[in-house]
Amino acid sequence: MTIISHLTHRRTISLATGVLLIAFVLALGGCGKKPRTVDPPQGSEADRFPQTYPNPATDPAPGKTGSGLSFP
């Protein structure tokens, strides 16, 4: 075994160890403690979810123009 092949092998082992270490850290970070419930943001009491799309109360019927921009 020459010095160059020894250094190349060592670099490969170091790279593989680094990749495994980063993968382990990312997997461990994804296992954090998560809350059971999340409070909605302020001012969202008026929002209704899920909604039907398109909303027949606010969107025009097919073939009719809306009040917004018209596209060619």
C-alpha atoms as a PDB file:
ATOM      1  CA  MET A   1       0.000   0.000   0.000  1.00  0.00           C
ATOM      2  CA  THR A   2       1.497   3.315  -1.022  1.00  0.00           C
ATOM      3  CA  ILE A   3       1.170   6.607   0.794  1.00  0.00           C
ATOM      4  CA  ILE A   4      -1.177   8.056  -1.857  1.00  0.00           C
ATOM      5  CA  SER A   5      -3.599   5.129  -1.753  1.00  0.00           C
ATOM      6  CA  HIS A   6      -3.512   5.240   2.052  1.00  0.00           C
ATOM      7  CA  LEU A   7      -4.427   8.960   2.019  1.00  0.00           C
ATOM      8  CA  THR A   8      -7.203   8.373  -0.529  1.00  0.00           C
ATOM      9  CA  HIS A   9      -8.651   5.567   1.585  1.00  0.00           C
ATOM     10  CA  ARG A  10      -8.448   7.735   4.683  1.00  0.00           C
ATOM     11  CA  ARG A  11     -10.216  10.603   2.883  1.00  0.00           C
ATOM     12  CA  THR A  12     -12.999   8.217   1.766  1.00  0.00           C
ATOM     13  CA  ILE A  13     -13.485   6.941   5.299  1.00  0.00           C
ATOM     14  CA  SER A  14     -13.530  10.492   6.672  1.00  0.00           C
ATOM     15  CA  LEU A  15     -16.080  11.594   4.080  1.00  0.00           C
ATOM     16  CA  ALA A  16     -18.336   8.603   4.770  1.00  0.00           C
ATOM     17  CA  THR A  17     -18.098   9.229   8.519  1.00  0.00           C
ATOM     18  CA  GLY A  18     -18.975  12.894   8.018  1.00  0.00           C
ATOM     19  CA  VAL A  19     -22.001  12.069   5.861  1.00  0.00           C
ATOM     20  CA  LEU A  20     -23.256   9.545   8.411  1.00  0.00           C
ATOM     21  CA  LEU A  21     -22.734  12.027  11.236  1.00  0.00           C
ATOM     22  CA  ILE A  22     -24.686  14.752   9.416  1.00  0.00           C
ATOM     23  CA  ALA A  23     -27.498  12.294   8.603  1.00  0.00           C
ATOM     24  CA  PHE A  24     -27.653  11.220  12.252  1.00  0.00           C
ATOM     25  CA  VAL A  25     -27.792  14.815  13.501  1.00  0.00           C
ATOM     26  CA  LEU A  26     -30.557  15.736  11.039  1.00  0.00           C
ATOM     27  CA  ALA A  27     -32.585  12.642  11.955  1.00  0.00           C
ATOM     28  CA  LEU A  28     -32.156  13.378  15.640  1.00  0.00           C
ATOM     29  CA  GLY A  29     -33.213  17.001  15.110  1.00  0.00           C
ATOM     30  CA  GLY A  30     -36.459  15.839  13.486  1.00  0.00           C
ATOM     31  CA  CYS A  31     -37.401  13.946  16.640  1.00  0.00           C
ATOM     32  CA  GLY A  32     -37.958  17.030  18.770  1.00  0.00           C
ATOM     33  CA  LYS A  33     -40.830  17.413  21.198  1.00  0.00           C
ATOM     34  CA  LYS A  34     -43.929  18.641  19.400  1.00  0.00           C
ATOM     35  CA  PRO A  35     -46.942  20.294  21.055  1.00  0.00           C
ATOM     36  CA  ARG A  36     -50.277  18.452  21.117  1.00  0.00           C
ATOM     37  CA  THR A  37     -52.228  21.542  20.057  1.00  0.00           C
ATOM     38  CA  VAL A  38     -51.233  24.748  18.339  1.00  0.00           C
ATOM     39  CA  ASP A  39     -53.123  27.998  18.884  1.00  0.00           C
ATOM     40  CA  PRO A  40     -54.220  29.798  15.699  1.00  0.00           C
ATOM     41  CA  PRO A  41     -52.736  33.217  14.926  1.00  0.00           C
ATOM     42  CA  GLN A  42     -54.514  36.326  16.158  1.00  0.00           C
ATOM     43  CA  GLY A  43     -57.293  37.586  13.912  1.00  0.00           C
ATOM     44  CA  SER A  44     -58.068  34.191  12.410  1.00  0.00           C
ATOM     45  CA  GLU A  45     -61.449  33.801  14.101  1.00  0.00           C
ATOM     46  CA  ALA A  46     -63.234  34.966  10.925  1.00  0.00           C
ATOM     47  CA  ASP A  47     -61.440  32.431   8.695  1.00  0.00           C
ATOM     48  CA  ARG A  48     -63.349  29.318   7.709  1.00  0.00           C
ATOM     49  CA  PHE A  49     -61.302  26.289   6.781  1.00  0.00           C
ATOM     50  CA  PRO A  50     -61.588  24.129   4.805  1.00  0.00           C
ATOM     51  CA  GLN A  51     -63.426  26.069   2.112  1.00  0.00           C
ATOM     52  CA  THR A  52     -64.831  25.098  -1.251  1.00  0.00           C
ATOM     53  CA  TYR A  53     -62.863  26.390  -4.202  1.00  0.00           C
ATOM     54  CA  PRO A  54     -64.025  28.264  -6.163  1.00  0.00           C
ATOM     55  CA  ASN A  55     -66.318  29.959  -3.704  1.00  0.00           C
ATOM     56  CA  PRO A  56     -69.676  30.476  -5.480  1.00  0.00           C
ATOM     57  CA  ALA A  57     -70.458  33.489  -3.292  1.00  0.00           C
ATOM     58  CA  THR A  58     -67.401  35.466  -4.408  1.00  0.00           C
ATOM     59  CA  ASP A  59     -66.329  33.962  -7.761  1.00  0.00           C
ATOM     60  CA  PRO A  60     -68.229  34.613 -10.997  1.00  0.00           C
ATOM     61  CA  ALA A  61     -70.054  31.820 -12.774  1.00  0.00           C
ATOM     62  CA  PRO A  62     -68.354  30.280 -15.833  1.00  0.00           C
ATOM     63  CA  GLY A  63     -68.737  32.490 -18.886  1.00  0.00           C
ATOM     64  CA  LYS A  64     -69.409  35.661 -16.888  1.00  0.00           C
ATOM     65  CA  THR A  65     -66.791  38.337 -16.316  1.00  0.00           C
ATOM     66  CA  GLY A  66     -65.682  39.169 -12.832  1.00  0.00           C
ATOM     67  CA  SER A  67     -65.048  42.558 -11.309  1.00  0.00           C
ATOM     68  CA  GLY A  68     -61.272  42.119 -11.412  1.00  0.00           C
ATOM     69  CA  LEU A  69     -58.754  42.270 -14.225  1.00  0.00           C
ATOM     70  CA  SER A  70     -59.624  40.842 -17.615  1.00  0.00           C
ATOM     71  CA  PHE A  71     -57.063  38.796 -19.487  1.00  0.00           C
ATOM     72  CA  PRO A  72     -56.960  38.498 -23.285  1.00  0.00           C
END
